[in-house]
Amino acid sequence: MEERHISLAKISLLIADPDLRIAQGPKWIFAKALPDRSDNLVAAVLLERQEKSLWVVVTVMARFEGQK
């Protein structure tokens, strides 16, 4: 997140209200166009831990392009 200049608040917004959700087995990719960024979608690869109502962030990507 730090390398891509994406704050925890922005990741929280992305998880709460994604523009795109892609299921990949046990992982999910959530992506969102953030208003203060001029690159493509910002995306996070997440693991859902339902027993703890928790999303684990595996990695964060800038300039993400969804499925075409």
C-alpha atoms as a PDB file:
ATOM      1  CA  MET A   1       0.000   0.000   0.000  1.00  0.00           C
ATOM      2  CA  GLU A   2       2.806   2.357   0.882  1.00  0.00           C
ATOM      3  CA  GLU A   3       4.687   1.697  -2.384  1.00  0.00           C
ATOM      4  CA  ARG A   4       1.540   2.509  -4.369  1.00  0.00           C
ATOM      5  CA  HIS A   5       0.604   5.530  -2.229  1.00  0.00           C
ATOM      6  CA  ILE A   6      -2.747   4.071  -1.189  1.00  0.00           C
ATOM      7  CA  SER A   7      -3.931   4.840   2.327  1.00  0.00           C
ATOM      8  CA  LEU A   8      -5.758   2.522   4.691  1.00  0.00           C
ATOM      9  CA  ALA A   9      -8.793   4.810   4.383  1.00  0.00           C
ATOM     10  CA  LYS A  10      -8.825   4.301   0.590  1.00  0.00           C
ATOM     11  CA  ILE A  11      -8.562   0.515   0.983  1.00  0.00           C
ATOM     12  CA  SER A  12     -11.440   0.608   3.468  1.00  0.00           C
ATOM     13  CA  LEU A  13     -13.517   2.554   0.909  1.00  0.00           C
ATOM     14  CA  LEU A  14     -12.580   0.064  -1.831  1.00  0.00           C
ATOM     15  CA  ILE A  15     -13.659  -2.901   0.339  1.00  0.00           C
ATOM     16  CA  ALA A  16     -16.892  -1.239   1.493  1.00  0.00           C
ATOM     17  CA  ASP A  17     -18.031  -0.126  -1.980  1.00  0.00           C
ATOM     18  CA  PRO A  18     -16.100  -1.757  -4.864  1.00  0.00           C
ATOM     19  CA  ASP A  19     -16.872  -0.958  -8.509  1.00  0.00           C
ATOM     20  CA  LEU A  20     -15.795  -4.468  -9.532  1.00  0.00           C
ATOM     21  CA  ARG A  21     -15.644  -7.845  -7.740  1.00  0.00           C
ATOM     22  CA  ILE A  22     -13.914 -10.876  -9.219  1.00  0.00           C
ATOM     23  CA  ALA A  23     -13.995 -14.232  -7.423  1.00  0.00           C
ATOM     24  CA  GLN A  24     -10.864 -16.375  -7.766  1.00  0.00           C
ATOM     25  CA  GLY A  25     -11.391 -19.468  -5.652  1.00  0.00           C
ATOM     26  CA  PRO A  26     -10.831 -18.505  -2.012  1.00  0.00           C
ATOM     27  CA  LYS A  27      -9.543 -15.075  -3.057  1.00  0.00           C
ATOM     28  CA  TRP A  28     -11.370 -12.014  -4.305  1.00  0.00           C
ATOM     29  CA  ILE A  29     -10.213  -9.027  -6.323  1.00  0.00           C
ATOM     30  CA  PHE A  30     -12.056  -5.836  -5.444  1.00  0.00           C
ATOM     31  CA  ALA A  31     -11.406  -2.780  -7.614  1.00  0.00           C
ATOM     32  CA  LYS A  32     -12.545   0.817  -7.535  1.00  0.00           C
ATOM     33  CA  ALA A  33     -11.900   4.065  -9.392  1.00  0.00           C
ATOM     34  CA  LEU A  34     -10.739   6.452  -6.696  1.00  0.00           C
ATOM     35  CA  PRO A  35     -11.620  10.105  -7.360  1.00  0.00           C
ATOM     36  CA  ASP A  36      -8.237  11.530  -6.363  1.00  0.00           C
ATOM     37  CA  ARG A  37      -6.200   9.179  -8.591  1.00  0.00           C
ATOM     38  CA  SER A  38      -5.689   9.605 -12.333  1.00  0.00           C
ATOM     39  CA  ASP A  39      -4.549   6.011 -12.997  1.00  0.00           C
ATOM     40  CA  ASN A  40      -6.906   3.132 -13.759  1.00  0.00           C
ATOM     41  CA  LEU A  41      -8.741   1.203 -11.087  1.00  0.00           C
ATOM     42  CA  VAL A  42      -7.058   0.503  -7.775  1.00  0.00           C
ATOM     43  CA  ALA A  43      -7.494  -3.147  -6.784  1.00  0.00           C
ATOM     44  CA  ALA A  44      -6.893  -5.315  -3.745  1.00  0.00           C
ATOM     45  CA  VAL A  45      -6.555  -9.083  -3.600  1.00  0.00           C
ATOM     46  CA  LEU A  46      -8.467 -10.201  -0.510  1.00  0.00           C
ATOM     47  CA  LEU A  47      -9.121 -13.318   1.521  1.00  0.00           C
ATOM     48  CA  GLU A  48     -12.414 -13.400   3.374  1.00  0.00           C
ATOM     49  CA  ARG A  49     -12.403 -14.704   6.935  1.00  0.00           C
ATOM     50  CA  GLN A  50     -16.128 -15.056   7.569  1.00  0.00           C
ATOM     51  CA  GLU A  51     -15.696 -16.538  11.019  1.00  0.00           C
ATOM     52  CA  LYS A  52     -14.108 -13.245  12.112  1.00  0.00           C
ATOM     53  CA  SER A  53     -15.989 -10.893   9.735  1.00  0.00           C
ATOM     54  CA  LEU A  54     -12.613  -9.884   8.351  1.00  0.00           C
ATOM     55  CA  TRP A  55     -10.985  -9.194   4.974  1.00  0.00           C
ATOM     56  CA  VAL A  56      -7.251  -9.950   4.767  1.00  0.00           C
ATOM     57  CA  VAL A  57      -5.448  -7.778   2.194  1.00  0.00           C
ATOM     58  CA  VAL A  58      -2.934  -9.929   0.289  1.00  0.00           C
ATOM     59  CA  THR A  59      -1.715  -7.260  -2.125  1.00  0.00           C
ATOM     60  CA  VAL A  60      -2.750  -3.931  -3.642  1.00  0.00           C
ATOM     61  CA  MET A  61      -2.485  -3.004  -7.324  1.00  0.00           C
ATOM     62  CA  ALA A  62      -2.591   0.381  -9.025  1.00  0.00           C
ATOM     63  CA  ARG A  63      -3.406   0.796 -12.723  1.00  0.00           C
ATOM     64  CA  PHE A  64      -5.574  -2.344 -12.626  1.00  0.00           C
ATOM     65  CA  GLU A  65      -7.668  -3.170 -15.678  1.00  0.00           C
ATOM     66  CA  GLY A  66     -10.690  -5.380 -15.180  1.00  0.00           C
ATOM     67  CA  GLN A  67     -11.799  -8.193 -17.441  1.00  0.00           C
ATOM     68  CA  LYS A  68     -12.524  -7.160 -21.020  1.00  0.00           C
END
